[in-house]
């Protein structure tokens, strides 16, 4: 699809735009259908994206279910869901899971991918709900690394200080939230 930037500029400046069409009509794209309104084309695109999303998640669950069987499933269960006799060690293992979640999210650079992978693993019983919570919290910290990397691209520019501050606010907001809610078990 090709969008008419002139229409976007009119909308942004609150100019009247009667019978404006957001989609460029002389383009050779799939949804270049002059008889459909922009709203109808947007609805079609929304429906197609939801179908692709559902299919992708279904496929992800099927692939994970087939890959995580036998010895791999046993290893994941032992590593993520250990049972320690000492309650202090069991409590501190949650902090290890926070670090593990942050590290895995940094590797894939997407908390959405990491959490979308963990959710089916909870559903099939590989990861316990009590242990997925610190992994999700770590994922929130790990996703701030992407913002930090994006901020570092502004090095040497006038906006560098502001971009670094924004990335650090993102990081510290997540860390402070964890420090408020995670250490006391009844707040979890």
N, C-alpha and C. Protein backbone atom coordinates (compact mmCIF):
# COMPACT_ATOMS: atom_id res chain seq x y z
N UNK A 1 0.84 -1.18 0.00
CA UNK A 1 0.00 0.00 0.00
C UNK A 1 0.88 1.24 0.00
N UNK A 2 0.40 2.25 -0.65
CA UNK A 2 1.11 3.52 -0.67
C UNK A 2 0.18 4.59 -0.11
N UNK A 3 0.68 5.35 0.85
CA UNK A 3 -0.12 6.35 1.55
C UNK A 3 0.18 7.73 0.97
N UNK A 4 -0.85 8.53 0.81
CA UNK A 4 -0.71 9.90 0.33
C UNK A 4 -0.30 10.79 1.50
N UNK A 5 0.94 11.24 1.50
CA UNK A 5 1.46 12.04 2.61
C UNK A 5 0.80 13.42 2.69
N UNK A 6 0.31 13.90 1.57
CA UNK A 6 -0.39 15.19 1.57
C UNK A 6 -1.66 15.14 2.42
N UNK A 7 -2.37 14.02 2.36
CA UNK A 7 -3.57 13.86 3.18
C UNK A 7 -3.20 13.80 4.66
N UNK A 8 -2.11 13.10 4.98
CA UNK A 8 -1.66 13.04 6.37
C UNK A 8 -1.30 14.43 6.89
N UNK A 9 -0.65 15.24 6.03
CA UNK A 9 -0.29 16.60 6.45
C UNK A 9 -1.53 17.44 6.68
N UNK A 10 -2.55 17.27 5.84
CA UNK A 10 -3.80 18.01 6.04
C UNK A 10 -4.46 17.60 7.34
N UNK A 11 -4.47 16.31 7.63
CA UNK A 11 -5.07 15.84 8.88
C UNK A 11 -4.30 16.38 10.09
N UNK A 12 -2.96 16.40 9.97
CA UNK A 12 -2.14 16.87 11.09
C UNK A 12 -2.33 18.36 11.36
N UNK A 13 -2.54 19.13 10.30
CA UNK A 13 -2.74 20.57 10.48
C UNK A 13 -4.22 20.94 10.63
N UNK A 14 -5.09 19.92 10.70
CA UNK A 14 -6.53 20.08 10.89
C UNK A 14 -7.19 20.90 9.78
N UNK A 15 -6.66 20.75 8.57
CA UNK A 15 -7.29 21.37 7.41
C UNK A 15 -8.46 20.51 6.96
N UNK A 16 -9.41 21.15 6.33
CA UNK A 16 -10.56 20.41 5.80
C UNK A 16 -10.08 19.55 4.63
N UNK A 17 -10.54 18.33 4.62
CA UNK A 17 -10.13 17.40 3.57
C UNK A 17 -11.35 16.58 3.16
N UNK A 18 -12.18 17.17 2.31
CA UNK A 18 -13.40 16.50 1.88
C UNK A 18 -13.05 15.55 0.73
N UNK A 19 -13.55 14.35 0.81
CA UNK A 19 -13.31 13.32 -0.20
C UNK A 19 -11.83 13.03 -0.43
N UNK A 20 -11.02 13.22 0.60
CA UNK A 20 -9.61 12.86 0.49
C UNK A 20 -9.48 11.35 0.64
N UNK A 21 -8.57 10.81 -0.10
CA UNK A 21 -8.32 9.38 -0.03
C UNK A 21 -6.90 9.16 0.45
N UNK A 22 -6.74 8.43 1.54
CA UNK A 22 -5.43 8.21 2.14
C UNK A 22 -4.56 7.32 1.27
N UNK A 23 -5.16 6.38 0.58
CA UNK A 23 -4.41 5.45 -0.25
C UNK A 23 -4.26 6.05 -1.64
N UNK A 24 -3.03 6.05 -2.14
CA UNK A 24 -2.75 6.58 -3.47
C UNK A 24 -3.41 5.68 -4.49
N UNK A 25 -4.21 6.27 -5.38
CA UNK A 25 -5.02 5.47 -6.30
C UNK A 25 -4.27 5.00 -7.53
N UNK A 26 -3.19 5.66 -7.89
CA UNK A 26 -2.50 5.26 -9.11
C UNK A 26 -1.34 4.30 -8.82
N UNK A 27 -1.38 3.65 -7.67
CA UNK A 27 -0.32 2.70 -7.32
C UNK A 27 -0.69 1.30 -7.80
N UNK A 28 0.30 0.47 -7.94
CA UNK A 28 0.11 -0.90 -8.42
C UNK A 28 0.17 -1.89 -7.26
N UNK A 29 -0.55 -1.63 -6.21
CA UNK A 29 -0.52 -2.49 -5.04
C UNK A 29 -1.76 -3.37 -5.01
N UNK A 30 -1.71 -4.37 -4.16
CA UNK A 30 -2.75 -5.38 -4.08
C UNK A 30 -4.12 -4.79 -3.76
N UNK A 31 -4.18 -3.90 -2.79
CA UNK A 31 -5.47 -3.35 -2.37
C UNK A 31 -5.77 -2.00 -3.00
N UNK A 32 -5.36 -1.81 -4.22
CA UNK A 32 -5.70 -0.59 -4.95
C UNK A 32 -7.09 -0.80 -5.56
N UNK A 33 -8.10 -0.63 -4.72
CA UNK A 33 -9.48 -0.84 -5.13
C UNK A 33 -10.23 0.47 -4.98
N UNK A 34 -10.38 1.24 -6.06
CA UNK A 34 -11.00 2.56 -5.95
C UNK A 34 -12.45 2.52 -5.49
N UNK A 35 -13.14 1.40 -5.67
CA UNK A 35 -14.54 1.35 -5.26
C UNK A 35 -14.71 1.09 -3.77
N UNK A 36 -13.62 0.75 -3.05
CA UNK A 36 -13.68 0.56 -1.60
C UNK A 36 -13.16 1.79 -0.88
N UNK A 37 -13.78 2.11 0.24
CA UNK A 37 -13.32 3.25 1.03
C UNK A 37 -12.07 2.88 1.81
N UNK A 38 -11.40 3.90 2.35
CA UNK A 38 -10.22 3.66 3.16
C UNK A 38 -10.58 2.83 4.40
N UNK A 39 -11.74 3.05 4.95
CA UNK A 39 -12.18 2.30 6.14
C UNK A 39 -12.36 0.83 5.80
N UNK A 40 -12.94 0.55 4.64
CA UNK A 40 -13.13 -0.85 4.23
C UNK A 40 -11.79 -1.54 4.00
N UNK A 41 -10.88 -0.85 3.35
CA UNK A 41 -9.55 -1.43 3.12
C UNK A 41 -8.83 -1.63 4.45
N UNK A 42 -8.97 -0.68 5.38
CA UNK A 42 -8.39 -0.84 6.71
C UNK A 42 -8.97 -2.03 7.44
N UNK A 43 -10.28 -2.25 7.31
CA UNK A 43 -10.91 -3.42 7.91
C UNK A 43 -10.40 -4.72 7.33
N UNK A 44 -10.22 -4.74 6.02
CA UNK A 44 -9.68 -5.94 5.37
C UNK A 44 -8.26 -6.21 5.87
N UNK A 45 -7.45 -5.16 5.96
CA UNK A 45 -6.08 -5.34 6.44
C UNK A 45 -6.07 -5.79 7.90
N UNK A 46 -6.97 -5.27 8.72
CA UNK A 46 -7.05 -5.69 10.12
C UNK A 46 -7.41 -7.16 10.22
N UNK A 47 -8.39 -7.57 9.44
CA UNK A 47 -8.82 -8.97 9.44
C UNK A 47 -7.68 -9.88 8.98
N UNK A 48 -7.00 -9.50 7.91
CA UNK A 48 -5.87 -10.31 7.42
C UNK A 48 -4.75 -10.39 8.46
N UNK A 49 -4.45 -9.29 9.13
CA UNK A 49 -3.38 -9.31 10.13
C UNK A 49 -3.76 -10.17 11.32
N UNK A 50 -5.03 -10.15 11.73
CA UNK A 50 -5.46 -11.01 12.84
C UNK A 50 -5.39 -12.49 12.46
N UNK A 51 -5.75 -12.80 11.22
CA UNK A 51 -5.65 -14.19 10.75
C UNK A 51 -4.20 -14.65 10.74
N UNK A 52 -3.30 -13.81 10.24
CA UNK A 52 -1.87 -14.16 10.22
C UNK A 52 -1.33 -14.30 11.64
N UNK A 53 -1.73 -13.41 12.54
CA UNK A 53 -1.28 -13.49 13.94
C UNK A 53 -1.75 -14.79 14.59
N UNK A 54 -3.02 -15.12 14.43
CA UNK A 54 -3.55 -16.36 15.03
C UNK A 54 -2.87 -17.59 14.45
N UNK A 55 -2.68 -17.61 13.13
CA UNK A 55 -1.99 -18.73 12.51
C UNK A 55 -0.57 -18.85 13.02
N UNK A 56 0.13 -17.72 13.16
CA UNK A 56 1.52 -17.74 13.64
C UNK A 56 1.60 -18.26 15.07
N UNK A 57 0.71 -17.81 15.93
CA UNK A 57 0.72 -18.28 17.31
C UNK A 57 0.37 -19.77 17.39
N UNK A 58 -0.60 -20.20 16.60
CA UNK A 58 -0.95 -21.62 16.55
C UNK A 58 0.25 -22.45 16.09
N UNK A 59 0.93 -21.98 15.05
CA UNK A 59 2.10 -22.67 14.53
C UNK A 59 3.22 -22.69 15.55
N UNK A 60 3.41 -21.58 16.28
CA UNK A 60 4.43 -21.51 17.32
C UNK A 60 4.17 -22.53 18.42
N UNK A 61 2.93 -22.66 18.84
CA UNK A 61 2.57 -23.64 19.88
C UNK A 61 2.84 -25.06 19.37
N UNK A 62 2.45 -25.35 18.14
CA UNK A 62 2.67 -26.69 17.58
C UNK A 62 4.16 -27.02 17.49
N UNK A 63 4.95 -26.07 17.02
CA UNK A 63 6.39 -26.30 16.89
C UNK A 63 7.03 -26.49 18.27
N UNK A 64 6.67 -25.63 19.22
CA UNK A 64 7.22 -25.77 20.57
C UNK A 64 6.81 -27.09 21.19
N UNK A 65 5.58 -27.48 20.99
CA UNK A 65 5.09 -28.74 21.55
C UNK A 65 5.86 -29.92 20.98
N UNK A 66 6.17 -29.88 19.70
CA UNK A 66 6.90 -31.00 19.09
C UNK A 66 8.38 -30.97 19.45
N UNK A 67 8.97 -29.78 19.60
CA UNK A 67 10.38 -29.69 19.94
C UNK A 67 10.66 -29.98 21.41
N UNK A 68 9.74 -29.57 22.26
CA UNK A 68 9.98 -29.68 23.70
C UNK A 68 9.34 -30.93 24.27
N UNK A 69 9.80 -32.07 23.81
CA UNK A 69 9.34 -33.34 24.34
C UNK A 69 10.56 -34.18 24.70
N UNK A 70 10.36 -35.15 25.54
CA UNK A 70 11.43 -36.06 25.91
C UNK A 70 12.50 -35.42 26.77
N UNK A 71 13.78 -35.63 26.42
CA UNK A 71 14.87 -35.14 27.26
C UNK A 71 14.95 -33.61 27.30
N UNK A 72 14.56 -32.94 26.21
CA UNK A 72 14.58 -31.48 26.20
C UNK A 72 13.58 -30.93 27.20
N UNK A 73 12.40 -31.51 27.24
CA UNK A 73 11.38 -31.07 28.19
C UNK A 73 11.84 -31.29 29.62
N UNK A 74 12.47 -32.40 29.88
CA UNK A 74 12.97 -32.69 31.22
C UNK A 74 14.04 -31.68 31.63
N UNK A 75 14.93 -31.35 30.70
CA UNK A 75 15.99 -30.38 31.00
C UNK A 75 15.41 -28.99 31.26
N UNK A 76 14.44 -28.58 30.47
CA UNK A 76 13.82 -27.26 30.68
C UNK A 76 13.11 -27.23 32.02
N UNK A 77 12.38 -28.28 32.35
CA UNK A 77 11.67 -28.33 33.63
C UNK A 77 12.64 -28.24 34.80
N UNK A 78 13.74 -28.99 34.72
CA UNK A 78 14.71 -28.98 35.82
C UNK A 78 15.40 -27.63 35.95
N UNK A 79 15.68 -26.98 34.82
CA UNK A 79 16.43 -25.73 34.86
C UNK A 79 15.56 -24.56 35.29
N UNK A 80 14.34 -24.47 34.80
CA UNK A 80 13.48 -23.32 35.07
C UNK A 80 12.64 -23.52 36.33
N UNK A 81 12.29 -24.75 36.66
CA UNK A 81 11.41 -25.04 37.80
C UNK A 81 12.09 -25.87 38.89
N UNK A 82 13.29 -25.53 39.33
CA UNK A 82 13.92 -26.38 40.33
C UNK A 82 13.21 -26.26 41.68
N UNK A 83 13.28 -27.31 42.43
CA UNK A 83 12.72 -27.32 43.79
C UNK A 83 13.88 -27.47 44.77
N UNK A 84 14.14 -26.42 45.53
CA UNK A 84 15.21 -26.45 46.51
C UNK A 84 14.62 -26.70 47.89
N UNK A 85 15.36 -27.42 48.72
CA UNK A 85 14.90 -27.67 50.08
C UNK A 85 15.02 -26.42 50.94
N UNK A 86 16.01 -25.63 50.67
CA UNK A 86 16.23 -24.40 51.43
C UNK A 86 15.32 -23.31 50.87
N UNK A 87 14.41 -22.73 51.67
CA UNK A 87 13.49 -21.72 51.15
C UNK A 87 14.18 -20.42 50.72
N UNK A 88 15.32 -20.12 51.32
CA UNK A 88 16.06 -18.91 50.92
C UNK A 88 16.61 -19.08 49.50
N UNK A 89 17.16 -20.25 49.22
CA UNK A 89 17.68 -20.51 47.88
C UNK A 89 16.53 -20.51 46.86
N UNK A 90 15.41 -21.08 47.24
CA UNK A 90 14.24 -21.08 46.36
C UNK A 90 13.79 -19.65 46.06
N UNK A 91 13.79 -18.80 47.10
CA UNK A 91 13.41 -17.39 46.95
C UNK A 91 14.38 -16.67 46.02
N UNK A 92 15.68 -16.91 46.22
CA UNK A 92 16.70 -16.22 45.43
C UNK A 92 16.74 -16.71 43.98
N UNK A 93 16.25 -17.92 43.73
CA UNK A 93 16.24 -18.44 42.36
C UNK A 93 15.31 -17.60 41.47
N UNK A 94 14.30 -16.98 42.07
CA UNK A 94 13.44 -16.09 41.31
C UNK A 94 14.22 -14.92 40.72
N UNK A 95 15.21 -14.42 41.48
CA UNK A 95 16.05 -13.34 40.95
C UNK A 95 16.92 -13.83 39.81
N UNK A 96 17.37 -15.08 39.90
CA UNK A 96 18.10 -15.67 38.78
C UNK A 96 17.21 -15.73 37.55
N UNK A 97 15.94 -16.09 37.74
CA UNK A 97 15.02 -16.14 36.61
C UNK A 97 14.79 -14.75 36.01
N UNK A 98 14.82 -13.71 36.84
CA UNK A 98 14.71 -12.33 36.31
C UNK A 98 15.89 -12.05 35.39
N UNK A 99 17.10 -12.41 35.85
CA UNK A 99 18.30 -12.19 35.03
C UNK A 99 18.24 -13.05 33.76
N UNK A 100 17.76 -14.29 33.90
CA UNK A 100 17.62 -15.17 32.74
C UNK A 100 16.63 -14.59 31.73
N UNK A 101 15.51 -14.08 32.20
CA UNK A 101 14.52 -13.47 31.31
C UNK A 101 15.08 -12.25 30.61
N UNK A 102 15.85 -11.43 31.34
CA UNK A 102 16.47 -10.25 30.72
C UNK A 102 17.48 -10.68 29.66
N UNK A 103 18.30 -11.68 29.98
CA UNK A 103 19.31 -12.14 29.03
C UNK A 103 18.70 -12.73 27.76
N UNK A 104 17.67 -13.53 27.92
CA UNK A 104 17.02 -14.12 26.74
C UNK A 104 16.35 -13.06 25.88
N UNK A 105 15.76 -12.06 26.53
CA UNK A 105 15.12 -10.98 25.78
C UNK A 105 16.15 -10.13 25.05
N UNK A 106 17.30 -9.91 25.68
CA UNK A 106 18.37 -9.17 25.01
C UNK A 106 18.84 -9.95 23.77
N UNK A 107 18.91 -11.26 23.88
CA UNK A 107 19.35 -12.08 22.74
C UNK A 107 18.39 -11.98 21.56
N UNK A 108 17.09 -12.03 21.84
CA UNK A 108 16.12 -11.98 20.73
C UNK A 108 15.66 -10.56 20.44
N UNK A 109 16.02 -9.58 21.30
CA UNK A 109 15.68 -8.17 21.17
C UNK A 109 14.18 -7.93 21.03
N UNK A 110 13.40 -8.74 21.70
CA UNK A 110 11.95 -8.56 21.64
C UNK A 110 11.31 -9.26 22.83
N UNK A 111 10.71 -8.47 23.70
CA UNK A 111 10.01 -9.09 24.82
C UNK A 111 8.75 -9.79 24.34
N UNK A 112 8.18 -9.33 23.24
CA UNK A 112 6.98 -9.98 22.70
C UNK A 112 7.29 -11.40 22.24
N UNK A 113 8.40 -11.59 21.57
CA UNK A 113 8.78 -12.93 21.12
C UNK A 113 9.06 -13.83 22.31
N UNK A 114 9.77 -13.29 23.30
CA UNK A 114 10.12 -14.10 24.48
C UNK A 114 8.87 -14.50 25.26
N UNK A 115 7.97 -13.55 25.50
CA UNK A 115 6.76 -13.88 26.26
C UNK A 115 5.81 -14.75 25.44
N UNK A 116 5.79 -14.56 24.13
CA UNK A 116 4.95 -15.41 23.27
C UNK A 116 5.49 -16.83 23.21
N UNK A 117 6.76 -17.01 23.46
CA UNK A 117 7.33 -18.34 23.51
C UNK A 117 7.07 -18.98 24.87
N UNK A 118 7.15 -18.18 25.93
CA UNK A 118 6.94 -18.73 27.28
C UNK A 118 5.49 -19.12 27.55
N UNK A 119 4.55 -18.37 27.02
CA UNK A 119 3.14 -18.62 27.32
C UNK A 119 2.71 -20.04 26.92
N UNK A 120 3.02 -20.51 25.71
CA UNK A 120 2.66 -21.90 25.41
C UNK A 120 3.42 -22.91 26.26
N UNK A 121 4.64 -22.54 26.68
CA UNK A 121 5.40 -23.45 27.53
C UNK A 121 4.73 -23.63 28.90
N UNK A 122 4.07 -22.58 29.37
CA UNK A 122 3.29 -22.69 30.60
C UNK A 122 2.07 -23.56 30.32
N UNK A 123 1.45 -23.37 29.17
CA UNK A 123 0.26 -24.12 28.81
C UNK A 123 0.49 -25.62 28.71
N UNK A 124 1.67 -26.02 28.23
CA UNK A 124 1.95 -27.44 28.10
C UNK A 124 2.64 -28.01 29.34
N UNK A 125 2.86 -27.17 30.35
CA UNK A 125 3.36 -27.65 31.64
C UNK A 125 4.87 -27.69 31.80
N UNK A 126 5.62 -27.07 30.88
CA UNK A 126 7.07 -27.06 31.03
C UNK A 126 7.55 -26.04 32.05
N UNK A 127 6.86 -24.93 32.13
CA UNK A 127 7.24 -23.87 33.07
C UNK A 127 6.05 -23.62 33.98
N UNK A 128 6.32 -23.55 35.28
CA UNK A 128 5.25 -23.29 36.24
C UNK A 128 4.93 -21.79 36.26
N UNK A 129 3.69 -21.48 36.60
CA UNK A 129 3.24 -20.09 36.61
C UNK A 129 4.07 -19.26 37.58
N UNK A 130 4.42 -19.83 38.73
CA UNK A 130 5.20 -19.08 39.73
C UNK A 130 6.59 -18.74 39.20
N UNK A 131 7.10 -19.54 38.29
CA UNK A 131 8.44 -19.28 37.75
C UNK A 131 8.42 -18.46 36.48
N UNK A 132 7.28 -18.36 35.83
CA UNK A 132 7.22 -17.56 34.61
C UNK A 132 7.13 -16.07 34.94
N UNK A 133 6.58 -15.75 36.10
CA UNK A 133 6.44 -14.34 36.50
C UNK A 133 7.80 -13.63 36.55
N UNK A 134 8.83 -14.18 37.23
CA UNK A 134 10.12 -13.49 37.20
C UNK A 134 10.75 -13.47 35.81
N UNK A 135 10.47 -14.47 34.99
CA UNK A 135 10.98 -14.44 33.62
C UNK A 135 10.36 -13.28 32.83
N UNK A 136 9.06 -13.06 33.03
CA UNK A 136 8.39 -11.93 32.38
C UNK A 136 8.94 -10.60 32.89
N UNK A 137 9.20 -10.51 34.19
CA UNK A 137 9.77 -9.28 34.74
C UNK A 137 11.15 -9.02 34.15
N UNK A 138 11.95 -10.06 34.03
CA UNK A 138 13.25 -9.91 33.39
C UNK A 138 13.14 -9.51 31.94
N UNK A 139 12.09 -9.98 31.30
CA UNK A 139 11.86 -9.61 29.91
C UNK A 139 11.60 -8.11 29.78
N UNK A 140 10.91 -7.55 30.78
CA UNK A 140 10.68 -6.10 30.77
C UNK A 140 11.98 -5.32 30.89
N UNK A 141 12.91 -5.84 31.65
CA UNK A 141 14.22 -5.18 31.76
C UNK A 141 15.01 -5.37 30.46
N UNK A 142 14.98 -6.58 29.92
CA UNK A 142 15.74 -6.87 28.71
C UNK A 142 15.29 -6.06 27.51
N UNK A 143 14.02 -5.73 27.46
CA UNK A 143 13.53 -4.96 26.31
C UNK A 143 14.02 -3.52 26.33
N UNK A 144 14.48 -3.04 27.48
CA UNK A 144 14.99 -1.67 27.54
C UNK A 144 16.35 -1.55 26.86
N UNK A 145 17.03 -2.67 26.66
CA UNK A 145 18.32 -2.63 25.98
C UNK A 145 18.15 -2.16 24.54
N UNK A 146 17.04 -2.55 23.92
CA UNK A 146 16.77 -2.11 22.55
C UNK A 146 16.62 -0.59 22.51
N UNK A 147 15.92 -0.03 23.49
CA UNK A 147 15.78 1.43 23.56
C UNK A 147 17.14 2.10 23.79
N UNK A 148 17.96 1.47 24.60
CA UNK A 148 19.30 2.03 24.85
C UNK A 148 20.15 2.00 23.57
N UNK A 149 20.07 0.91 22.82
CA UNK A 149 20.81 0.83 21.56
C UNK A 149 20.32 1.88 20.57
N UNK A 150 19.01 2.09 20.53
CA UNK A 150 18.46 3.12 19.64
C UNK A 150 18.91 4.50 20.08
N UNK A 151 18.98 4.72 21.39
CA UNK A 151 19.43 6.02 21.89
C UNK A 151 20.90 6.27 21.55
N UNK A 152 21.69 5.21 21.58
CA UNK A 152 23.12 5.36 21.28
C UNK A 152 23.38 5.73 19.83
N UNK A 153 22.41 5.52 18.96
CA UNK A 153 22.61 5.93 17.55
C UNK A 153 22.63 7.43 17.40
N UNK A 154 22.18 8.16 18.41
CA UNK A 154 22.16 9.63 18.35
C UNK A 154 23.43 10.24 18.90
N UNK A 155 24.45 9.43 19.15
CA UNK A 155 25.72 9.90 19.70
C UNK A 155 26.29 11.03 18.83
N UNK A 156 26.64 12.10 19.49
CA UNK A 156 27.21 13.25 18.78
C UNK A 156 26.19 14.26 18.31
N UNK A 157 24.91 13.95 18.42
CA UNK A 157 23.88 14.90 17.98
C UNK A 157 23.40 15.73 19.16
N UNK A 158 22.62 16.74 18.86
CA UNK A 158 22.10 17.63 19.90
C UNK A 158 21.06 16.92 20.76
N UNK A 159 20.44 15.89 20.25
CA UNK A 159 19.38 15.20 20.98
C UNK A 159 19.89 13.98 21.76
N UNK A 160 21.21 13.78 21.77
CA UNK A 160 21.76 12.59 22.41
C UNK A 160 21.39 12.52 23.89
N UNK A 161 21.52 13.62 24.60
CA UNK A 161 21.21 13.64 26.04
C UNK A 161 19.75 13.25 26.28
N UNK A 162 18.85 13.77 25.48
CA UNK A 162 17.42 13.47 25.66
C UNK A 162 17.10 12.01 25.34
N UNK A 163 17.73 11.47 24.31
CA UNK A 163 17.44 10.08 23.96
C UNK A 163 17.98 9.12 25.03
N UNK A 164 19.17 9.41 25.55
CA UNK A 164 19.72 8.57 26.62
C UNK A 164 18.86 8.68 27.87
N UNK A 165 18.41 9.89 28.18
CA UNK A 165 17.54 10.06 29.36
C UNK A 165 16.25 9.27 29.20
N UNK A 166 15.67 9.30 28.02
CA UNK A 166 14.44 8.54 27.77
C UNK A 166 14.66 7.05 27.94
N UNK A 167 15.77 6.54 27.42
CA UNK A 167 16.08 5.12 27.54
C UNK A 167 16.33 4.74 29.00
N UNK A 168 17.03 5.60 29.73
CA UNK A 168 17.29 5.31 31.15
C UNK A 168 16.02 5.37 31.99
N UNK A 169 15.12 6.29 31.65
CA UNK A 169 13.83 6.33 32.36
C UNK A 169 13.08 5.03 32.14
N UNK A 170 13.10 4.53 30.92
CA UNK A 170 12.46 3.25 30.60
C UNK A 170 13.07 2.13 31.45
N UNK A 171 14.39 2.08 31.52
CA UNK A 171 15.08 1.05 32.29
C UNK A 171 14.75 1.17 33.78
N UNK A 172 14.91 2.37 34.34
CA UNK A 172 14.71 2.53 35.79
C UNK A 172 13.25 2.39 36.19
N UNK A 173 12.33 2.74 35.31
CA UNK A 173 10.91 2.52 35.60
C UNK A 173 10.64 1.03 35.82
N UNK A 174 11.19 0.20 34.94
CA UNK A 174 11.00 -1.25 35.07
C UNK A 174 11.71 -1.81 36.30
N UNK A 175 12.92 -1.34 36.57
CA UNK A 175 13.66 -1.84 37.74
C UNK A 175 12.96 -1.43 39.03
N UNK A 176 12.51 -0.19 39.12
CA UNK A 176 11.82 0.27 40.33
C UNK A 176 10.51 -0.50 40.53
N UNK A 177 9.80 -0.75 39.45
CA UNK A 177 8.57 -1.54 39.56
C UNK A 177 8.84 -2.94 40.10
N UNK A 178 9.92 -3.54 39.66
CA UNK A 178 10.28 -4.86 40.16
C UNK A 178 10.68 -4.78 41.64
N UNK A 179 11.44 -3.75 41.99
CA UNK A 179 11.86 -3.61 43.39
C UNK A 179 10.69 -3.33 44.32
N UNK A 180 9.63 -2.74 43.81
CA UNK A 180 8.45 -2.48 44.64
C UNK A 180 7.63 -3.75 44.81
N UNK A 181 7.39 -4.48 43.72
CA UNK A 181 6.42 -5.56 43.76
C UNK A 181 6.99 -6.97 43.90
N UNK A 182 8.23 -7.21 43.49
CA UNK A 182 8.71 -8.60 43.50
C UNK A 182 9.28 -9.06 44.84
N UNK A 183 10.05 -8.28 45.58
CA UNK A 183 10.69 -8.83 46.78
C UNK A 183 9.73 -9.37 47.84
N UNK A 184 8.57 -8.79 47.99
CA UNK A 184 7.62 -9.25 49.00
C UNK A 184 6.65 -10.23 48.33
N UNK A 185 6.70 -11.51 48.71
CA UNK A 185 5.90 -12.53 48.01
C UNK A 185 4.41 -12.25 47.97
N UNK A 186 3.84 -11.58 48.97
CA UNK A 186 2.40 -11.36 48.93
C UNK A 186 2.00 -10.29 47.89
N UNK A 187 2.94 -9.51 47.41
CA UNK A 187 2.66 -8.52 46.37
C UNK A 187 2.68 -9.12 44.96
N UNK A 188 3.18 -10.33 44.84
CA UNK A 188 3.34 -10.94 43.50
C UNK A 188 2.00 -11.34 42.94
